[in-house]
């Protein structure tokens, strides 16, 4: 499904079509790398920039690069994409006191954990991004080299929690469900979701490729648009849980140091496995 077709498909919800046009430009920018060198006098001085700024016409040097993003509209857009068809998955994550004896990157013994378990529920845009979402769902159900036993290895300031290194638990490696890396086409799996609070996004080690690593965004991170591959949205209850972790978690150079966040189970909601866990 092309981005232009998606723009038409979701234009029924009450928001400006400029949002769709902006998203199309963001996705297209990942295919072309270019830089225009300024040759004129237009910039921070000249051409009445202050008059335009006072009139609310923008000015990146004063308001920030993403001053024109309307968070509410971006949320509406994301929901419209999910309404076209989605799949629900879950990650059961235990909040465990930090182990000083377990070497960094070592996979913990899941039978010995005593911390509080939280269920993080995620809706994936599986109709619009079938390959990206299928890879994530497969990683949720794999017994070996899947998400079970992996940790949230880093807290990225003003973004969220990083996890999904199913090989070394350090964040330096990753593996797609059926191999590494997974090559994706922007035409078949377009970049269509904005990075707002609650978005789940895949890290992109190389252009057009993903493995298993993901980020649970606790804040809007528009600088990731067109770079990372957002594929779904946490439920509101799950977002509140993840945001709560960040309020009392101590880190050292971004690595959790007061307690560990360990994925003890994961799956696809609606399967026999997920129903058995819920029972």
C-alpha atoms as a PDB file:
ATOM      1  CA  UNK A   1       0.000   0.000   0.000  1.00  0.00           C
ATOM      2  CA  UNK A   2       1.641   3.251  -1.128  1.00  0.00           C
ATOM      3  CA  UNK A   3       1.851   6.302   1.122  1.00  0.00           C
ATOM      4  CA  UNK A   4      -0.289   8.349  -1.276  1.00  0.00           C
ATOM      5  CA  UNK A   5      -3.014   5.698  -1.111  1.00  0.00           C
ATOM      6  CA  UNK A   6      -2.823   5.750   2.678  1.00  0.00           C
ATOM      7  CA  UNK A   7      -3.232   9.517   2.678  1.00  0.00           C
ATOM      8  CA  UNK A   8      -6.505   9.066   0.802  1.00  0.00           C
ATOM      9  CA  UNK A   9      -7.575   6.094   2.931  1.00  0.00           C
ATOM     10  CA  UNK A  10      -7.289   7.893   6.264  1.00  0.00           C
ATOM     11  CA  UNK A  11      -8.449  11.327   5.103  1.00  0.00           C
ATOM     12  CA  UNK A  12     -11.876  10.587   6.526  1.00  0.00           C
ATOM     13  CA  UNK A  13     -10.893  11.525  10.066  1.00  0.00           C
ATOM     14  CA  UNK A  14     -11.218  15.232  11.058  1.00  0.00           C
ATOM     15  CA  UNK A  15      -7.717  16.614  10.641  1.00  0.00           C
ATOM     16  CA  UNK A  16      -5.825  18.685   8.136  1.00  0.00           C
ATOM     17  CA  UNK A  17      -4.695  16.892   4.977  1.00  0.00           C
ATOM     18  CA  UNK A  18      -1.402  18.770   5.404  1.00  0.00           C
ATOM     19  CA  UNK A  19      -0.515  16.129   7.982  1.00  0.00           C
ATOM     20  CA  UNK A  20      -0.724  13.430   5.343  1.00  0.00           C
ATOM     21  CA  UNK A  21       1.290  15.478   2.871  1.00  0.00           C
ATOM     22  CA  UNK A  22       3.953  16.099   5.504  1.00  0.00           C
ATOM     23  CA  UNK A  23       4.082  12.391   6.306  1.00  0.00           C
ATOM     24  CA  UNK A  24       4.464  11.526   2.636  1.00  0.00           C
ATOM     25  CA  UNK A  25       7.375  13.937   2.359  1.00  0.00           C
ATOM     26  CA  UNK A  26       8.963  12.468   5.495  1.00  0.00           C
ATOM     27  CA  UNK A  27       8.757   8.932   4.118  1.00  0.00           C
ATOM     28  CA  UNK A  28      10.002   9.955   0.698  1.00  0.00           C
ATOM     29  CA  UNK A  29      12.999  11.706   2.257  1.00  0.00           C
ATOM     30  CA  UNK A  30      14.390   8.346   3.355  1.00  0.00           C
ATOM     31  CA  UNK A  31      14.914   7.398  -0.295  1.00  0.00           C
ATOM     32  CA  UNK A  32      16.796  10.528  -1.298  1.00  0.00           C
ATOM     33  CA  UNK A  33      19.823  11.981   0.441  1.00  0.00           C
ATOM     34  CA  UNK A  34      20.651  15.539  -0.601  1.00  0.00           C
ATOM     35  CA  UNK A  35      21.658  18.870   0.901  1.00  0.00           C
ATOM     36  CA  UNK A  36      20.932  22.249  -0.604  1.00  0.00           C
ATOM     37  CA  UNK A  37      23.572  24.888   0.050  1.00  0.00           C
ATOM     38  CA  UNK A  38      22.204  28.342   0.801  1.00  0.00           C
ATOM     39  CA  UNK A  39      23.389  31.001  -1.621  1.00  0.00           C
ATOM     40  CA  UNK A  40      21.145  33.941  -0.756  1.00  0.00           C
ATOM     41  CA  UNK A  41      20.634  36.215   2.241  1.00  0.00           C
ATOM     42  CA  UNK A  42      17.489  34.571   3.578  1.00  0.00           C
ATOM     43  CA  UNK A  43      18.085  33.267   7.097  1.00  0.00           C
ATOM     44  CA  UNK A  44      18.171  34.553  10.652  1.00  0.00           C
ATOM     45  CA  UNK A  45      18.498  38.127   9.331  1.00  0.00           C
ATOM     46  CA  UNK A  46      16.880  39.903   6.428  1.00  0.00           C
ATOM     47  CA  UNK A  47      13.622  39.415   4.535  1.00  0.00           C
ATOM     48  CA  UNK A  48      11.509  40.377   7.543  1.00  0.00           C
ATOM     49  CA  UNK A  49      12.062  37.169   9.497  1.00  0.00           C
ATOM     50  CA  UNK A  50      11.050  38.808  12.776  1.00  0.00           C
ATOM     51  CA  UNK A  51       7.798  40.102  11.293  1.00  0.00           C
ATOM     52  CA  UNK A  52       6.990  36.608  10.021  1.00  0.00           C
ATOM     53  CA  UNK A  53       7.879  35.101  13.385  1.00  0.00           C
ATOM     54  CA  UNK A  54       5.589  37.475  15.278  1.00  0.00           C
ATOM     55  CA  UNK A  55       2.826  36.639  12.781  1.00  0.00           C
ATOM     56  CA  UNK A  56       3.136  32.949  13.656  1.00  0.00           C
ATOM     57  CA  UNK A  57       4.633  31.913  10.321  1.00  0.00           C
ATOM     58  CA  UNK A  58       7.457  29.902  11.827  1.00  0.00           C
ATOM     59  CA  UNK A  59      11.175  30.273  12.158  1.00  0.00           C
ATOM     60  CA  UNK A  60      13.136  27.131  13.014  1.00  0.00           C
ATOM     61  CA  UNK A  61      16.003  29.050  14.573  1.00  0.00           C
ATOM     62  CA  UNK A  62      13.613  30.404  17.211  1.00  0.00           C
ATOM     63  CA  UNK A  63      10.939  27.770  17.699  1.00  0.00           C
ATOM     64  CA  UNK A  64      12.751  24.503  17.093  1.00  0.00           C
ATOM     65  CA  UNK A  65      12.804  22.158  14.144  1.00  0.00           C
ATOM     66  CA  UNK A  66       9.461  20.528  14.929  1.00  0.00           C
ATOM     67  CA  UNK A  67       7.477  23.589  15.985  1.00  0.00           C
ATOM     68  CA  UNK A  68       4.789  22.826  13.395  1.00  0.00           C
ATOM     69  CA  UNK A  69       3.918  19.344  14.672  1.00  0.00           C
ATOM     70  CA  UNK A  70       0.417  19.053  16.099  1.00  0.00           C
ATOM     71  CA  UNK A  71       0.607  16.139  18.547  1.00  0.00           C
ATOM     72  CA  UNK A  72      -3.150  15.604  18.661  1.00  0.00           C
ATOM     73  CA  UNK A  73      -3.382  15.400  14.885  1.00  0.00           C
ATOM     74  CA  UNK A  74      -0.456  12.973  14.786  1.00  0.00           C
ATOM     75  CA  UNK A  75      -2.217  10.776  17.339  1.00  0.00           C
ATOM     76  CA  UNK A  76      -5.397  10.840  15.247  1.00  0.00           C
ATOM     77  CA  UNK A  77      -3.404   9.886  12.173  1.00  0.00           C
ATOM     78  CA  UNK A  78      -1.762   6.936  13.961  1.00  0.00           C
ATOM     79  CA  UNK A  79      -5.131   5.700  15.186  1.00  0.00           C
ATOM     80  CA  UNK A  80      -6.561   5.932  11.660  1.00  0.00           C
ATOM     81  CA  UNK A  81      -3.679   3.766  10.394  1.00  0.00           C
ATOM     82  CA  UNK A  82      -4.371   1.181  13.122  1.00  0.00           C
ATOM     83  CA  UNK A  83      -8.089   1.269  12.287  1.00  0.00           C
ATOM     84  CA  UNK A  84      -7.244  -0.041   8.811  1.00  0.00           C
ATOM     85  CA  UNK A  85      -6.266  -3.310  10.488  1.00  0.00           C
ATOM     86  CA  UNK A  86      -4.116  -4.204  13.474  1.00  0.00           C
ATOM     87  CA  UNK A  87      -2.796  -7.110  15.532  1.00  0.00           C
ATOM     88  CA  UNK A  88      -2.297  -7.070  19.305  1.00  0.00           C
ATOM     89  CA  UNK A  89       0.760  -8.452  21.086  1.00  0.00           C
ATOM     90  CA  UNK A  90       1.959  -8.346  24.672  1.00  0.00           C
ATOM     91  CA  UNK A  91       5.219  -8.237  26.601  1.00  0.00           C
ATOM     92  CA  UNK A  92       5.176  -9.393  30.231  1.00  0.00           C
ATOM     93  CA  UNK A  93       7.978  -7.440  31.916  1.00  0.00           C
ATOM     94  CA  UNK A  94       9.220  -7.989  35.470  1.00  0.00           C
ATOM     95  CA  UNK A  95      10.574  -5.067  37.473  1.00  0.00           C
ATOM     96  CA  UNK A  96      13.409  -6.843  39.283  1.00  0.00           C
ATOM     97  CA  UNK A  97      15.931  -5.418  41.803  1.00  0.00           C
ATOM     98  CA  UNK A  98      19.188  -4.816  39.971  1.00  0.00           C
ATOM     99  CA  UNK A  99      21.563  -7.767  40.092  1.00  0.00           C
ATOM    100  CA  UNK A 100      25.151  -6.813  40.866  1.00  0.00           C
ATOM    101  CA  UNK A 101      26.393 -10.368  40.363  1.00  0.00           C
ATOM    102  CA  UNK A 102      24.990 -11.030  36.882  1.00  0.00           C
ATOM    103  CA  UNK A 103      27.496  -9.917  34.221  1.00  0.00           C
ATOM    104  CA  UNK A 104      26.244  -7.262  31.756  1.00  0.00           C
ATOM    105  CA  UNK A 105      24.453  -8.867  28.850  1.00  0.00           C
ATOM    106  CA  UNK A 106      23.940 -12.244  30.511  1.00  0.00           C
ATOM    107  CA  UNK A 107      20.412 -13.614  30.184  1.00  0.00           C
ATOM    108  CA  UNK A 108      18.720 -13.969  33.596  1.00  0.00           C
ATOM    109  CA  UNK A 109      17.114 -17.134  34.896  1.00  0.00           C
ATOM    110  CA  UNK A 110      13.392 -16.428  34.536  1.00  0.00           C
ATOM    111  CA  UNK A 111      12.440 -18.982  37.219  1.00  0.00           C
ATOM    112  CA  UNK A 112      14.305 -17.038  39.922  1.00  0.00           C
ATOM    113  CA  UNK A 113      12.694 -13.626  39.419  1.00  0.00           C
ATOM    114  CA  UNK A 114      10.632 -12.236  42.300  1.00  0.00           C
ATOM    115  CA  UNK A 115       9.801  -8.708  41.103  1.00  0.00           C
ATOM    116  CA  UNK A 116       6.464  -7.233  40.054  1.00  0.00           C
ATOM    117  CA  UNK A 117       5.222  -8.297  36.627  1.00  0.00           C
ATOM    118  CA  UNK A 118       3.558  -5.822  34.268  1.00  0.00           C
ATOM    119  CA  UNK A 119       1.837  -6.567  30.962  1.00  0.00           C
ATOM    120  CA  UNK A 120       2.609  -4.150  28.128  1.00  0.00           C
ATOM    121  CA  UNK A 121       0.021  -4.422  25.351  1.00  0.00           C
ATOM    122  CA  UNK A 122       0.815  -3.149  21.863  1.00  0.00           C
ATOM    123  CA  UNK A 123      -1.371  -2.718  18.772  1.00  0.00           C
ATOM    124  CA  UNK A 124       0.612  -3.262  15.564  1.00  0.00           C
ATOM    125  CA  UNK A 125      -0.259  -1.716  12.178  1.00  0.00           C
ATOM    126  CA  UNK A 126      -0.185  -5.154  10.559  1.00  0.00           C
ATOM    127  CA  UNK A 127      -2.334  -4.251   7.533  1.00  0.00           C
ATOM    128  CA  UNK A 128      -0.212  -1.318   6.418  1.00  0.00           C
ATOM    129  CA  UNK A 129       3.172  -2.722   7.524  1.00  0.00           C
ATOM    130  CA  UNK A 130       2.737  -6.513   7.198  1.00  0.00           C
ATOM    131  CA  UNK A 131       6.395  -7.624   7.075  1.00  0.00           C
ATOM    132  CA  UNK A 132       7.590  -5.317   9.838  1.00  0.00           C
ATOM    133  CA  UNK A 133       4.754  -6.384  12.141  1.00  0.00           C
ATOM    134  CA  UNK A 134       5.055 -10.078  11.305  1.00  0.00           C
ATOM    135  CA  UNK A 135       8.714  -9.979  12.302  1.00  0.00           C
ATOM    136  CA  UNK A 136       7.759  -8.451  15.660  1.00  0.00           C
ATOM    137  CA  UNK A 137       4.969 -10.991  16.219  1.00  0.00           C
ATOM    138  CA  UNK A 138       7.285 -13.887  15.388  1.00  0.00           C
ATOM    139  CA  UNK A 139       9.854 -12.596  17.880  1.00  0.00           C
ATOM    140  CA  UNK A 140       7.100 -12.472  20.506  1.00  0.00           C
ATOM    141  CA  UNK A 141       6.324 -16.177  20.030  1.00  0.00           C
ATOM    142  CA  UNK A 142       9.808 -17.639  19.565  1.00  0.00           C
ATOM    143  CA  UNK A 143      11.125 -19.743  22.449  1.00  0.00           C
ATOM    144  CA  UNK A 144      14.746 -19.320  21.370  1.00  0.00           C
ATOM    145  CA  UNK A 145      16.254 -15.979  20.317  1.00  0.00           C
ATOM    146  CA  UNK A 146      12.921 -14.257  20.789  1.00  0.00           C
ATOM    147  CA  UNK A 147      11.941 -11.530  23.219  1.00  0.00           C
ATOM    148  CA  UNK A 148      11.556 -13.875  26.203  1.00  0.00           C
ATOM    149  CA  UNK A 149      14.522 -13.359  28.512  1.00  0.00           C
ATOM    150  CA  UNK A 150      15.645 -10.093  26.904  1.00  0.00           C
ATOM    151  CA  UNK A 151      15.927  -6.893  28.928  1.00  0.00           C
ATOM    152  CA  UNK A 152      15.220  -3.218  28.440  1.00  0.00           C
ATOM    153  CA  UNK A 153      18.886  -2.376  28.239  1.00  0.00           C
ATOM    154  CA  UNK A 154      18.832   1.410  27.972  1.00  0.00           C
ATOM    155  CA  UNK A 155      16.796   4.492  28.769  1.00  0.00           C
ATOM    156  CA  UNK A 156      17.132   7.116  26.056  1.00  0.00           C
ATOM    157  CA  UNK A 157      16.548  10.584  27.447  1.00  0.00           C
ATOM    158  CA  UNK A 158      13.450  12.336  26.061  1.00  0.00           C
ATOM    159  CA  UNK A 159      12.594   9.237  23.996  1.00  0.00           C
ATOM    160  CA  UNK A 160      11.921   6.075  26.012  1.00  0.00           C
ATOM    161  CA  UNK A 161      13.095   2.531  26.806  1.00  0.00           C
ATOM    162  CA  UNK A 162      15.240   0.496  24.420  1.00  0.00           C
ATOM    163  CA  UNK A 163      14.994  -3.287  24.301  1.00  0.00           C
ATOM    164  CA  UNK A 164      14.929  -6.320  22.057  1.00  0.00           C
ATOM    165  CA  UNK A 165      18.594  -7.366  21.798  1.00  0.00           C
ATOM    166  CA  UNK A 166      17.849 -11.086  21.663  1.00  0.00           C
ATOM    167  CA  UNK A 167      21.494 -12.082  21.115  1.00  0.00           C
ATOM    168  CA  UNK A 168      23.616 -10.334  23.751  1.00  0.00           C
ATOM    169  CA  UNK A 169      21.199  -8.164  25.812  1.00  0.00           C
ATOM    170  CA  UNK A 170      23.554  -5.202  25.406  1.00  0.00           C
ATOM    171  CA  UNK A 171      21.839  -3.262  22.618  1.00  0.00           C
ATOM    172  CA  UNK A 172      24.790  -3.771  20.293  1.00  0.00           C
ATOM    173  CA  UNK A 173      23.280  -6.669  18.366  1.00  0.00           C
ATOM    174  CA  UNK A 174      19.934  -7.886  17.114  1.00  0.00           C
ATOM    175  CA  UNK A 175      18.401 -10.599  14.981  1.00  0.00           C
ATOM    176  CA  UNK A 176      15.252 -10.705  12.883  1.00  0.00           C
ATOM    177  CA  UNK A 177      12.908 -13.630  13.486  1.00  0.00           C
ATOM    178  CA  UNK A 178      13.941 -15.387  10.273  1.00  0.00           C
ATOM    179  CA  UNK A 179      17.497 -14.130  10.050  1.00  0.00           C
ATOM    180  CA  UNK A 180      19.463 -10.938  10.189  1.00  0.00           C
ATOM    181  CA  UNK A 181      18.877  -8.410   8.876  1.00  0.00           C
ATOM    182  CA  UNK A 182      15.332  -8.182   7.507  1.00  0.00           C
ATOM    183  CA  UNK A 183      15.300  -6.136   4.293  1.00  0.00           C
ATOM    184  CA  UNK A 184      12.127  -4.088   3.832  1.00  0.00           C
ATOM    185  CA  UNK A 185      10.708  -2.074   0.960  1.00  0.00           C
ATOM    186  CA  UNK A 186       9.288   1.347   1.733  1.00  0.00           C
ATOM    187  CA  UNK A 187       6.692   0.746  -1.002  1.00  0.00           C
ATOM    188  CA  UNK A 188       5.379  -2.444   0.618  1.00  0.00           C
ATOM    189  CA  UNK A 189       6.006  -1.442   4.247  1.00  0.00           C
ATOM    190  CA  UNK A 190       5.837   2.385   4.249  1.00  0.00           C
ATOM    191  CA  UNK A 191       6.876   4.634   7.127  1.00  0.00           C
ATOM    192  CA  UNK A 192       3.434   5.925   8.073  1.00  0.00           C
ATOM    193  CA  UNK A 193       3.326   6.363  11.856  1.00  0.00           C
ATOM    194  CA  UNK A 194       4.424   9.430  13.781  1.00  0.00           C
ATOM    195  CA  UNK A 195       6.621   9.030  16.860  1.00  0.00           C
ATOM    196  CA  UNK A 196       4.264  10.277  19.575  1.00  0.00           C
ATOM    197  CA  UNK A 197       4.130   9.146  23.203  1.00  0.00           C
ATOM    198  CA  UNK A 198       3.174   5.458  23.287  1.00  0.00           C
ATOM    199  CA  UNK A 199       4.620   4.600  19.869  1.00  0.00           C
ATOM    200  CA  UNK A 200       6.648   1.408  19.534  1.00  0.00           C
ATOM    201  CA  UNK A 201       9.381   1.731  16.941  1.00  0.00           C
ATOM    202  CA  UNK A 202      12.086  -0.505  15.498  1.00  0.00           C
ATOM    203  CA  UNK A 203      15.710   0.572  15.357  1.00  0.00           C
ATOM    204  CA  UNK A 204      17.127   0.672  11.830  1.00  0.00           C
ATOM    205  CA  UNK A 205      20.771  -0.521  11.753  1.00  0.00           C
ATOM    206  CA  UNK A 206      20.951   0.105   7.995  1.00  0.00           C
ATOM    207  CA  UNK A 207      18.635   1.829   5.537  1.00  0.00           C
ATOM    208  CA  UNK A 208      15.590  -0.357   4.896  1.00  0.00           C
ATOM    209  CA  UNK A 209      16.596  -3.007   7.443  1.00  0.00           C
ATOM    210  CA  UNK A 210      15.400  -3.994  10.909  1.00  0.00           C
ATOM    211  CA  UNK A 211      16.307  -6.718  13.375  1.00  0.00           C
ATOM    212  CA  UNK A 212      14.787  -7.277  16.832  1.00  0.00           C
ATOM    213  CA  UNK A 213      15.635  -4.040  18.664  1.00  0.00           C
ATOM    214  CA  UNK A 214      12.814  -1.664  19.519  1.00  0.00           C
ATOM    215  CA  UNK A 215      12.008   1.449  21.542  1.00  0.00           C
ATOM    216  CA  UNK A 216       8.977   2.057  23.760  1.00  0.00           C
ATOM    217  CA  UNK A 217       8.485   5.799  23.342  1.00  0.00           C
ATOM    218  CA  UNK A 218       7.316   7.564  26.489  1.00  0.00           C
ATOM    219  CA  UNK A 219       7.464  10.994  24.848  1.00  0.00           C
ATOM    220  CA  UNK A 220       6.986  12.432  21.396  1.00  0.00           C
ATOM    221  CA  UNK A 221      10.208  11.931  19.429  1.00  0.00           C
ATOM    222  CA  UNK A 222       9.613  13.514  16.035  1.00  0.00           C
ATOM    223  CA  UNK A 223      13.338  13.508  15.266  1.00  0.00           C
ATOM    224  CA  UNK A 224      12.918   9.745  14.688  1.00  0.00           C
ATOM    225  CA  UNK A 225      10.313  10.209  11.922  1.00  0.00           C
ATOM    226  CA  UNK A 226      11.637   8.902   8.621  1.00  0.00           C
ATOM    227  CA  UNK A 227      14.587   7.240  10.389  1.00  0.00           C
ATOM    228  CA  UNK A 228      13.289   4.604  12.802  1.00  0.00           C
ATOM    229  CA  UNK A 229      10.441   2.334  11.740  1.00  0.00           C
ATOM    230  CA  UNK A 230       7.406   2.957  13.975  1.00  0.00           C
ATOM    231  CA  UNK A 231       5.076  -0.028  13.788  1.00  0.00           C
ATOM    232  CA  UNK A 232       2.529   0.243  16.570  1.00  0.00           C
ATOM    233  CA  UNK A 233       1.116   1.908  19.643  1.00  0.00           C
ATOM    234  CA  UNK A 234       0.948   0.899  23.315  1.00  0.00           C
ATOM    235  CA  UNK A 235      -2.440   1.028  25.000  1.00  0.00           C
ATOM    236  CA  UNK A 236      -2.940   3.987  27.337  1.00  0.00           C
ATOM    237  CA  UNK A 237      -2.682   1.759  30.408  1.00  0.00           C
ATOM    238  CA  UNK A 238       0.592   0.285  29.160  1.00  0.00           C
ATOM    239  CA  UNK A 239       1.998   3.737  28.371  1.00  0.00           C
ATOM    240  CA  UNK A 240       1.278   4.810  31.945  1.00  0.00           C
ATOM    241  CA  UNK A 241       3.150   1.765  33.265  1.00  0.00           C
ATOM    242  CA  UNK A 242       6.212   2.430  31.112  1.00  0.00           C
ATOM    243  CA  UNK A 243       6.180   6.147  31.931  1.00  0.00           C
ATOM    244  CA  UNK A 244       6.030   5.243  35.617  1.00  0.00           C
ATOM    245  CA  UNK A 245       9.230   3.210  35.321  1.00  0.00           C
ATOM    246  CA  UNK A 246      11.092   6.264  34.121  1.00  0.00           C
ATOM    247  CA  UNK A 247      10.056   8.357  37.133  1.00  0.00           C
ATOM    248  CA  UNK A 248      11.916   6.292  39.745  1.00  0.00           C
ATOM    249  CA  UNK A 249      14.562   4.466  37.729  1.00  0.00           C
ATOM    250  CA  UNK A 250      18.191   5.367  38.305  1.00  0.00           C
ATOM    251  CA  UNK A 251      20.568   4.987  35.377  1.00  0.00           C
ATOM    252  CA  UNK A 252      24.298   5.080  34.792  1.00  0.00           C
ATOM    253  CA  UNK A 253      25.184   6.407  31.347  1.00  0.00           C
ATOM    254  CA  UNK A 254      21.678   5.484  30.255  1.00  0.00           C
ATOM    255  CA  UNK A 255      21.845   1.892  31.560  1.00  0.00           C
ATOM    256  CA  UNK A 256      19.331   0.980  34.330  1.00  0.00           C
ATOM    257  CA  UNK A 257      21.141   0.657  37.658  1.00  0.00           C
ATOM    258  CA  UNK A 258      18.435   0.588  40.363  1.00  0.00           C
ATOM    259  CA  UNK A 259      16.364  -2.259  38.919  1.00  0.00           C
ATOM    260  CA  UNK A 260      16.202  -4.437  35.825  1.00  0.00           C
ATOM    261  CA  UNK A 261      13.285  -4.685  33.388  1.00  0.00           C
ATOM    262  CA  UNK A 262      13.153  -8.249  32.063  1.00  0.00           C
ATOM    263  CA  UNK A 263      10.760  -9.714  29.481  1.00  0.00           C
ATOM    264  CA  UNK A 264       9.568 -12.997  31.010  1.00  0.00           C
ATOM    265  CA  UNK A 265       6.891 -13.784  28.440  1.00  0.00           C
ATOM    266  CA  UNK A 266       5.485 -12.450  25.186  1.00  0.00           C
ATOM    267  CA  UNK A 267       2.962 -13.475  22.581  1.00  0.00           C
ATOM    268  CA  UNK A 268       0.151 -12.566  20.219  1.00  0.00           C
ATOM    269  CA  UNK A 269      -3.214 -11.843  21.834  1.00  0.00           C
ATOM    270  CA  UNK A 270      -5.879 -14.207  20.523  1.00  0.00           C
ATOM    271  CA  UNK A 271      -3.640 -17.259  20.122  1.00  0.00           C
ATOM    272  CA  UNK A 272      -4.028 -20.289  22.347  1.00  0.00           C
ATOM    273  CA  UNK A 273      -0.745 -19.396  24.024  1.00  0.00           C
ATOM    274  CA  UNK A 274      -1.866 -15.895  24.923  1.00  0.00           C
ATOM    275  CA  UNK A 275      -5.224 -17.132  26.195  1.00  0.00           C
ATOM    276  CA  UNK A 276      -3.515 -19.697  28.391  1.00  0.00           C
ATOM    277  CA  UNK A 277      -1.314 -17.011  29.931  1.00  0.00           C
ATOM    278  CA  UNK A 278      -4.313 -14.799  30.617  1.00  0.00           C
ATOM    279  CA  UNK A 279      -6.291 -17.587  32.269  1.00  0.00           C
END
